[in-house]
Amino acid sequence: MNIFKKLHNILPIFLITFLFVFLLPSTIHAAQFHFKSYTLTQDQKVDEDIYAVGESIKIDGVVNGDVIAFGDTVQVNGTVTGDVYAFGSKMNIDATIYGNTFVFGNNISIDGLLSENLYVFTYILNYNADTQEDVISFFGESNMEGSVGDDLRAIGFRSNIDSVVRGDAVLLGDQHTVNEMNISGDIIYNATLEAIAKEQGVDLSSDINIDTPRIRRDWSFNLGMTLVNLLSMLLVGYLIILMTPVKSIEIRKRITDSTPEFAKSLLFGFLITIVLPIPILVLALSLVGAPLALLITGVLSFVFIFGKVWVELAFGKEILELFGVEEYRPFKSFLVGRVLSVLIGLIPIAGGIYNSIVAFVALGAIVRMKKFYFAVAKEETKIVKKK
């Protein structure tokens, strides 16, 4: 079991190396690392880069450097002299940022003064900032006010744009309500691009077939892809478990605490997978329900891709217990479960069956966990009303 201990000790170093390589600032400062919920208060000042991974990240003070934040909730309200990279579910940016700003999440609000470019990828975007350079945004729905110092590129399903744009505006999507008087440069819609392409002899409305080269796959290619898959999922799983320690325990209980628990999660996941596509299809056919259908599909995709982390955590814990390791060691358990999944995945038919079972169990366990917490909250509400 010493190999597991060594790999578990290496994993945080691998995560930190990943952050340095892919989010390397243009100017290198000293760095602080925080691996739980973190708050920089308004009266505090940090002359270093901040790397924070936790459920809640809040920056109210001054950071003379970059901020890289992974969390469920991320708030940046202070002053950052470098770049900001924020990843999470719900985010609120109301700061003075002198570098570039990169924000990826589900529900994002952006205010404040942004001196360089802004890059956003989200489902819901509320923008009311003053960005000095370009704004590039991908979204499901957006409400944009404030101002853009240069070009605006907005790609999404539905938007209301009342921003003052001093450059061009590229607006691609289904429905854009735009105050064109506020845009100084050219405005480019879907129809504009189609007209330009047609002038060049290209019909964008027709299907375009592109011949792609065939990749020769041999044993070395498959082995390489297996190692990449192992390492990438180890990194993602490490972050998921780190940010959701309590939820990880609750989900694991609904997988391997007993045989009935496992069977219930498997059955729940299978039934949801069979039944849910029907209401999703109904929602997708209506204008009002289409965003909700997209959101549900996105959640399901996330669960089927990353939900296996919790199942492998549960399987790994059971394997460790067979070797006499009784304590709950989430990262080591996940490592063992991940290796098990990779090995079984190499078996053609058995691998497909195993992956399907893991996906159904993950979906069922997560839904049952959410159902449990909903029932607890409902019961607490009844008690408060009685008082």
Protein backbone atom coordinates (compact mmCIF):
# COMPACT_ATOMS: atom_id res chain seq x y z
CA MET A 1 0.00 0.00 0.00
CA ASN A 2 3.07 2.33 0.09
CA ILE A 3 2.57 3.20 -3.58
CA PHE A 4 -0.85 4.68 -2.74
CA LYS A 5 0.68 6.82 -0.02
CA LYS A 6 3.35 8.14 -2.38
CA LEU A 7 0.86 8.96 -5.14
CA HIS A 8 -1.47 10.68 -2.67
CA ASN A 9 1.41 12.89 -1.50
CA ILE A 10 2.32 13.72 -5.09
CA LEU A 11 -1.23 14.72 -6.11
CA PRO A 12 -1.30 18.17 -4.41
CA ILE A 13 2.09 18.94 -6.01
CA PHE A 14 0.65 17.92 -9.39
CA LEU A 15 -2.32 20.29 -8.84
CA ILE A 16 -0.05 23.19 -7.91
CA THR A 17 2.18 22.49 -10.91
CA PHE A 18 -0.90 22.54 -13.15
CA LEU A 19 -1.92 25.95 -11.80
CA PHE A 20 1.57 27.37 -12.36
CA VAL A 21 1.92 25.98 -15.89
CA PHE A 22 -1.51 26.89 -17.26
CA LEU A 23 -2.25 30.04 -15.26
CA LEU A 24 1.28 31.44 -15.18
CA PRO A 25 1.19 35.23 -14.70
CA SER A 26 3.11 37.56 -16.96
CA THR A 27 4.97 38.91 -13.90
CA ILE A 28 6.00 36.31 -11.33
CA HIS A 29 5.40 37.18 -7.66
CA ALA A 30 5.68 35.14 -4.51
CA ALA A 31 2.55 33.07 -3.92
CA GLN A 32 0.10 32.08 -1.18
CA PHE A 33 -1.85 28.81 -1.37
CA HIS A 34 -5.14 28.20 0.45
CA PHE A 35 -6.94 24.84 0.27
CA LYS A 36 -10.12 25.67 2.21
CA SER A 37 -12.60 28.55 2.35
CA TYR A 38 -10.65 31.80 2.34
CA THR A 39 -11.45 35.47 3.04
CA LEU A 40 -9.17 38.46 2.54
CA THR A 41 -10.79 41.23 4.61
CA GLN A 42 -11.09 44.84 3.49
CA ASP A 43 -8.28 46.04 5.79
CA GLN A 44 -5.81 43.40 4.58
CA LYS A 45 -3.18 43.74 1.87
CA VAL A 46 -1.25 40.92 0.18
CA ASP A 47 1.88 41.51 -1.93
CA GLU A 48 1.76 38.02 -3.46
CA ASP A 49 -0.27 35.96 -5.91
CA ILE A 50 -3.16 34.13 -4.26
CA TYR A 51 -4.16 30.56 -5.23
CA ALA A 52 -7.34 29.58 -3.38
CA VAL A 53 -9.34 26.34 -3.62
CA GLY A 54 -12.36 25.98 -1.31
CA GLU A 55 -16.12 26.18 -0.99
CA SER A 56 -16.15 29.97 -0.46
CA ILE A 57 -13.55 32.47 -1.66
CA LYS A 58 -13.90 36.18 -0.83
CA ILE A 59 -11.41 38.91 -1.72
CA ASP A 60 -12.31 42.27 -0.14
CA GLY A 61 -8.79 43.61 0.39
CA VAL A 62 -5.88 44.57 -1.86
CA VAL A 63 -3.85 41.99 -3.80
CA ASN A 64 -0.66 43.17 -5.44
CA GLY A 65 -0.50 40.18 -7.75
CA ASP A 66 -2.82 37.69 -9.41
CA VAL A 67 -5.85 35.91 -7.94
CA ILE A 68 -6.64 32.32 -8.99
CA ALA A 69 -9.80 31.07 -7.24
CA PHE A 70 -11.68 27.76 -7.45
CA GLY A 71 -14.86 27.61 -5.32
CA ASP A 72 -18.58 27.09 -5.12
CA THR A 73 -19.00 30.80 -4.31
CA VAL A 74 -16.39 33.35 -5.39
CA GLN A 75 -16.52 37.08 -4.56
CA VAL A 76 -13.90 39.61 -5.62
CA ASN A 77 -14.75 43.04 -4.21
CA GLY A 78 -11.37 44.61 -3.51
CA THR A 79 -8.44 45.69 -5.68
CA VAL A 80 -6.26 43.34 -7.74
CA THR A 81 -3.23 44.73 -9.56
CA GLY A 82 -2.71 41.57 -11.64
CA ASP A 83 -4.99 39.13 -13.43
CA VAL A 84 -8.04 37.36 -11.97
CA TYR A 85 -8.96 33.75 -12.82
CA ALA A 86 -12.22 32.71 -11.13
CA PHE A 87 -13.91 29.31 -11.45
CA GLY A 88 -17.10 28.40 -9.56
CA SER A 89 -20.86 28.11 -9.46
CA LYS A 90 -21.97 31.56 -8.27
CA MET A 91 -19.63 34.52 -8.67
CA ASN A 92 -19.77 38.22 -7.94
CA ILE A 93 -17.02 40.47 -9.31
CA ASP A 94 -17.25 44.07 -8.04
CA ALA A 95 -13.64 45.11 -7.93
CA THR A 96 -10.93 47.25 -9.43
CA ILE A 97 -8.81 44.88 -11.53
CA TYR A 98 -5.75 46.17 -13.37
CA GLY A 99 -5.03 42.99 -15.32
CA ASN A 100 -7.16 40.66 -17.44
CA THR A 101 -10.23 38.99 -15.93
CA PHE A 102 -11.24 35.39 -16.68
CA VAL A 103 -14.50 34.15 -15.16
CA PHE A 104 -16.07 30.69 -15.62
CA GLY A 105 -19.25 29.68 -13.78
CA ASN A 106 -22.99 29.19 -13.73
CA ASN A 107 -24.35 32.50 -12.39
CA ILE A 108 -22.07 35.52 -12.71
CA SER A 109 -22.48 39.20 -11.82
CA ILE A 110 -19.78 41.63 -12.89
CA ASP A 111 -19.42 45.24 -11.74
CA GLY A 112 -16.50 47.49 -10.93
CA LEU A 113 -13.61 48.78 -13.04
CA LEU A 114 -11.70 46.33 -15.26
CA SER A 115 -8.62 47.87 -16.85
CA GLU A 116 -7.87 45.11 -19.36
CA ASN A 117 -9.89 42.44 -21.21
CA LEU A 118 -12.79 40.46 -19.74
CA TYR A 119 -13.45 36.81 -20.70
CA VAL A 120 -16.68 35.19 -19.43
CA PHE A 121 -18.17 31.72 -19.85
CA THR A 122 -21.47 31.21 -17.98
CA TYR A 123 -25.15 30.37 -18.20
CA ILE A 124 -26.49 33.57 -16.55
CA LEU A 125 -24.55 36.83 -16.91
CA ASN A 126 -25.36 40.20 -15.33
CA TYR A 127 -22.83 42.77 -16.54
CA ASN A 128 -22.67 46.36 -15.26
CA ALA A 129 -18.94 47.00 -15.21
CA ASP A 130 -16.65 49.52 -16.88
CA THR A 131 -14.22 47.43 -18.94
CA GLN A 132 -11.47 49.46 -20.60
CA GLU A 133 -10.63 46.92 -23.33
CA ASP A 134 -12.53 44.02 -24.99
CA VAL A 135 -15.33 41.90 -23.52
CA ILE A 136 -15.67 38.33 -24.82
CA SER A 137 -18.64 36.44 -23.39
CA PHE A 138 -20.32 33.05 -23.90
CA PHE A 139 -23.64 32.63 -22.07
CA GLY A 140 -27.15 31.21 -22.00
CA GLU A 141 -28.85 34.44 -20.91
CA SER A 142 -27.39 37.86 -20.24
CA ASN A 143 -28.32 41.38 -19.21
CA MET A 144 -25.56 43.80 -20.14
CA GLU A 145 -25.29 47.43 -19.12
CA GLY A 146 -22.20 49.38 -18.09
CA SER A 147 -19.58 50.11 -20.73
CA VAL A 148 -16.99 48.43 -22.97
CA GLY A 149 -13.88 50.37 -23.94
CA ASP A 150 -13.24 48.54 -27.20
CA ASP A 151 -15.00 45.57 -28.88
CA LEU A 152 -17.83 43.46 -27.49
CA ARG A 153 -18.20 39.82 -28.55
CA ALA A 154 -21.36 38.26 -27.16
CA ILE A 155 -22.28 34.68 -28.07
CA GLY A 156 -25.38 33.24 -26.41
CA PHE A 157 -29.02 32.23 -26.62
CA ARG A 158 -30.75 35.33 -25.26
CA SER A 159 -29.47 38.76 -24.26
CA ASN A 160 -30.49 42.32 -23.48
CA ILE A 161 -27.61 44.66 -24.34
CA ASP A 162 -27.72 48.28 -23.22
CA SER A 163 -23.97 48.72 -22.75
CA VAL A 164 -22.02 51.66 -24.15
CA VAL A 165 -19.61 50.01 -26.63
CA ARG A 166 -16.85 52.22 -28.02
CA GLY A 167 -15.77 49.66 -30.62
CA ASP A 168 -17.52 46.98 -32.70
CA ALA A 169 -20.14 44.54 -31.41
CA VAL A 170 -20.25 40.93 -32.62
CA LEU A 171 -23.58 39.50 -31.44
CA LEU A 172 -24.14 35.85 -32.30
CA GLY A 173 -27.11 33.86 -31.04
CA ASP A 174 -30.87 33.45 -31.19
CA GLN A 175 -32.27 36.60 -29.56
CA HIS A 176 -30.39 39.85 -28.96
CA THR A 177 -32.23 42.98 -27.83
CA VAL A 178 -29.74 45.77 -28.49
CA ASN A 179 -29.65 49.53 -27.98
CA GLU A 180 -27.78 50.20 -31.23
CA MET A 181 -27.40 53.91 -30.44
CA ASN A 182 -24.90 52.99 -27.70
CA ILE A 183 -22.56 51.16 -30.08
CA SER A 184 -19.96 53.35 -31.82
CA GLY A 185 -18.61 50.81 -34.30
CA ASP A 186 -20.10 48.15 -36.54
CA ILE A 187 -22.74 45.70 -35.32
CA ILE A 188 -22.43 42.15 -36.62
CA TYR A 189 -25.30 39.69 -36.26
CA ASN A 190 -25.74 36.13 -37.53
CA ALA A 191 -27.37 37.50 -40.68
CA THR A 192 -24.41 39.84 -41.26
CA LEU A 193 -21.95 36.94 -41.28
CA GLU A 194 -24.20 34.88 -43.56
CA ALA A 195 -24.39 37.79 -46.03
CA ILE A 196 -20.59 38.27 -46.00
CA ALA A 197 -20.04 34.54 -46.53
CA LYS A 198 -22.56 34.46 -49.39
CA GLU A 199 -20.68 37.29 -51.13
CA GLN A 200 -17.60 35.06 -50.96
CA GLY A 201 -19.49 32.09 -52.41
CA VAL A 202 -20.02 30.23 -49.12
CA ASP A 203 -23.49 29.28 -47.86
CA LEU A 204 -23.32 29.04 -44.05
CA SER A 205 -26.93 27.90 -43.83
CA SER A 206 -26.12 24.59 -45.60
CA ASP A 207 -24.25 21.69 -44.07
CA ILE A 208 -20.49 21.84 -44.43
CA ASN A 209 -18.62 18.54 -44.65
CA ILE A 210 -14.99 18.55 -43.62
CA ASP A 211 -12.74 15.58 -44.31
CA THR A 212 -10.68 14.89 -41.20
CA PRO A 213 -7.53 12.77 -41.25
CA ARG A 214 -7.82 9.30 -39.78
CA ILE A 215 -5.70 8.71 -36.72
CA ARG A 216 -3.91 5.40 -36.54
CA ARG A 217 -4.55 3.90 -33.13
CA ASP A 218 -2.22 1.21 -31.85
CA TRP A 219 -1.45 -0.11 -28.37
CA SER A 220 0.94 2.76 -27.61
CA PHE A 221 -1.72 5.33 -28.53
CA ASN A 222 -4.32 3.58 -26.35
CA LEU A 223 -1.87 3.34 -23.45
CA GLY A 224 -1.07 7.03 -23.75
CA MET A 225 -4.74 8.01 -23.78
CA THR A 226 -5.36 5.77 -20.75
CA LEU A 227 -2.60 7.53 -18.79
CA VAL A 228 -3.92 10.97 -19.81
CA ASN A 229 -7.43 9.95 -18.73
CA LEU A 230 -6.10 8.66 -15.40
CA LEU A 231 -4.12 11.79 -14.59
CA SER A 232 -6.81 14.25 -15.74
CA MET A 233 -9.54 12.55 -13.70
CA LEU A 234 -7.23 12.38 -10.68
CA LEU A 235 -6.80 16.15 -10.90
CA VAL A 236 -10.53 16.82 -11.38
CA GLY A 237 -11.48 14.34 -8.65
CA TYR A 238 -9.02 15.90 -6.23
CA LEU A 239 -10.62 19.33 -6.77
CA ILE A 240 -14.19 17.99 -6.49
CA ILE A 241 -13.49 16.13 -3.24
CA LEU A 242 -11.57 19.10 -1.85
CA MET A 243 -14.45 21.50 -2.54
CA THR A 244 -17.25 19.16 -1.42
CA PRO A 245 -16.00 17.22 1.63
CA VAL A 246 -19.40 16.90 3.35
CA LYS A 247 -21.32 16.09 0.17
CA SER A 248 -18.69 13.48 -0.73
CA ILE A 249 -19.33 11.64 2.55
CA GLU A 250 -23.12 11.80 2.14
CA ILE A 251 -23.00 10.56 -1.45
CA ARG A 252 -20.60 7.75 -0.51
CA LYS A 253 -23.00 6.60 2.22
CA ARG A 254 -25.69 6.13 -0.43
CA ILE A 255 -23.40 3.93 -2.50
CA THR A 256 -21.51 1.49 -0.30
CA ASP A 257 -22.92 1.79 3.25
CA SER A 258 -24.98 -1.33 2.50
CA THR A 259 -26.16 -3.46 -0.40
CA PRO A 260 -29.70 -1.94 -0.30
CA GLU A 261 -28.18 1.56 -0.49
CA PHE A 262 -26.21 0.61 -3.59
CA ALA A 263 -29.26 -1.04 -5.19
CA LYS A 264 -31.46 2.02 -4.48
CA SER A 265 -28.94 4.41 -6.06
CA LEU A 266 -28.53 2.15 -9.10
CA LEU A 267 -32.30 1.85 -9.56
CA PHE A 268 -32.90 5.60 -9.05
CA GLY A 269 -30.21 6.49 -11.58
CA PHE A 270 -31.49 4.02 -14.16
CA LEU A 271 -35.11 5.22 -13.86
CA ILE A 272 -34.13 8.90 -14.05
CA THR A 273 -32.04 8.22 -17.17
CA ILE A 274 -34.98 6.47 -18.83
CA VAL A 275 -37.75 8.90 -17.80
CA LEU A 276 -36.07 12.35 -17.81
CA PRO A 277 -35.44 12.70 -21.60
CA ILE A 278 -39.22 12.98 -22.18
CA PRO A 279 -39.80 16.17 -20.10
CA ILE A 280 -36.51 17.59 -21.41
CA LEU A 281 -37.77 17.15 -24.97
CA VAL A 282 -41.09 18.82 -24.08
CA LEU A 283 -39.27 21.77 -22.49
CA ALA A 284 -36.92 22.11 -25.46
CA LEU A 285 -39.86 22.54 -27.84
CA SER A 286 -41.04 25.71 -26.04
CA LEU A 287 -39.30 29.08 -26.06
CA VAL A 288 -39.68 29.50 -22.30
CA GLY A 289 -38.60 25.95 -21.42
CA ALA A 290 -35.58 25.71 -23.75
CA PRO A 291 -33.09 27.35 -21.31
CA LEU A 292 -34.28 25.04 -18.52
CA ALA A 293 -33.92 22.02 -20.81
CA LEU A 294 -30.38 23.14 -21.64
CA LEU A 295 -29.57 23.58 -17.94
CA ILE A 296 -30.92 20.12 -17.00
CA THR A 297 -29.00 18.55 -19.88
CA GLY A 298 -25.84 20.30 -18.70
CA VAL A 299 -26.31 19.05 -15.14
CA LEU A 300 -26.89 15.50 -16.37
CA SER A 301 -23.79 15.69 -18.54
CA PHE A 302 -21.74 16.89 -15.55
CA VAL A 303 -23.03 14.02 -13.39
CA PHE A 304 -22.37 11.37 -16.04
CA ILE A 305 -18.85 12.67 -16.67
CA PHE A 306 -17.70 13.66 -13.17
CA GLY A 307 -20.16 11.83 -10.89
CA LYS A 308 -17.94 8.77 -11.18
CA VAL A 309 -15.53 10.55 -8.80
CA TRP A 310 -17.83 9.83 -5.83
CA VAL A 311 -18.52 6.26 -6.95
CA GLU A 312 -14.81 5.55 -7.31
CA LEU A 313 -14.24 7.15 -3.91
CA ALA A 314 -16.79 4.73 -2.40
CA PHE A 315 -15.37 1.68 -4.22
CA GLY A 316 -11.83 2.65 -3.22
CA LYS A 317 -12.80 2.92 0.45
CA GLU A 318 -14.25 -0.60 0.35
CA ILE A 319 -11.06 -1.95 -1.22
CA LEU A 320 -8.88 -0.23 1.38
CA GLU A 321 -11.00 -1.72 4.15
CA LEU A 322 -10.29 -5.19 2.72
CA PHE A 323 -6.61 -4.45 3.33
CA GLY A 324 -7.26 -3.30 6.90
CA VAL A 325 -7.41 0.48 6.35
CA GLU A 326 -10.42 1.46 8.45
CA GLU A 327 -9.99 5.27 8.58
CA TYR A 328 -11.75 7.45 6.04
CA ARG A 329 -9.07 8.63 3.62
CA PRO A 330 -10.91 10.24 0.70
CA PHE A 331 -8.01 10.99 -1.64
CA LYS A 332 -6.36 7.61 -1.23
CA SER A 333 -9.76 5.92 -1.65
CA PHE A 334 -10.42 7.88 -4.84
CA LEU A 335 -6.98 6.96 -6.20
CA VAL A 336 -7.66 3.25 -5.66
CA GLY A 337 -11.15 3.52 -7.18
CA ARG A 338 -9.80 5.43 -10.20
CA VAL A 339 -7.17 2.79 -10.88
CA LEU A 340 -9.89 0.11 -10.61
CA SER A 341 -12.04 1.94 -13.18
CA VAL A 342 -9.15 2.33 -15.60
CA LEU A 343 -8.25 -1.36 -15.37
CA ILE A 344 -11.84 -2.53 -15.88
CA GLY A 345 -12.26 0.00 -18.71
CA LEU A 346 -9.54 -1.81 -20.66
CA ILE A 347 -11.82 -4.88 -20.93
CA PRO A 348 -14.06 -4.26 -24.01
CA ILE A 349 -17.55 -5.43 -22.97
CA ALA A 350 -17.07 -5.45 -19.19
CA GLY A 351 -15.69 -1.90 -19.32
CA GLY A 352 -18.82 -0.56 -21.02
CA ILE A 353 -21.14 -2.31 -18.57
CA TYR A 354 -19.07 -1.10 -15.59
CA ASN A 355 -19.08 2.53 -16.80
CA SER A 356 -22.87 2.43 -17.30
CA ILE A 357 -23.40 1.09 -13.78
CA VAL A 358 -21.08 3.74 -12.33
CA ALA A 359 -22.99 6.50 -14.15
CA PHE A 360 -26.40 5.23 -12.96
CA VAL A 361 -25.18 4.84 -9.37
CA ALA A 362 -23.64 8.32 -9.35
CA LEU A 363 -26.84 9.94 -10.64
CA GLY A 364 -29.02 7.99 -8.21
CA ALA A 365 -26.83 8.70 -5.18
CA ILE A 366 -26.65 12.44 -5.91
CA VAL A 367 -30.44 12.71 -6.38
CA ARG A 368 -31.06 10.74 -3.18
CA MET A 369 -28.63 12.98 -1.28
CA LYS A 370 -30.38 16.12 -2.55
CA LYS A 371 -33.77 14.59 -1.69
CA PHE A 372 -32.56 13.90 1.87
CA TYR A 373 -31.38 17.48 2.40
CA PHE A 374 -34.62 18.83 0.94
CA ALA A 375 -36.61 16.73 3.43
CA VAL A 376 -34.43 17.97 6.32
CA ALA A 377 -34.88 21.61 5.27
CA LYS A 378 -38.64 21.10 4.95
CA GLU A 379 -38.83 19.58 8.43
CA GLU A 380 -36.80 22.45 9.92
CA THR A 381 -39.15 24.95 8.26
CA LYS A 382 -42.15 23.24 9.91
CA ILE A 383 -40.46 23.43 13.32
CA VAL A 384 -39.73 27.14 12.90
CA LYS A 385 -43.34 27.84 11.88
CA LYS A 386 -44.64 26.00 14.95
CA LYS A 387 -42.46 28.16 17.21
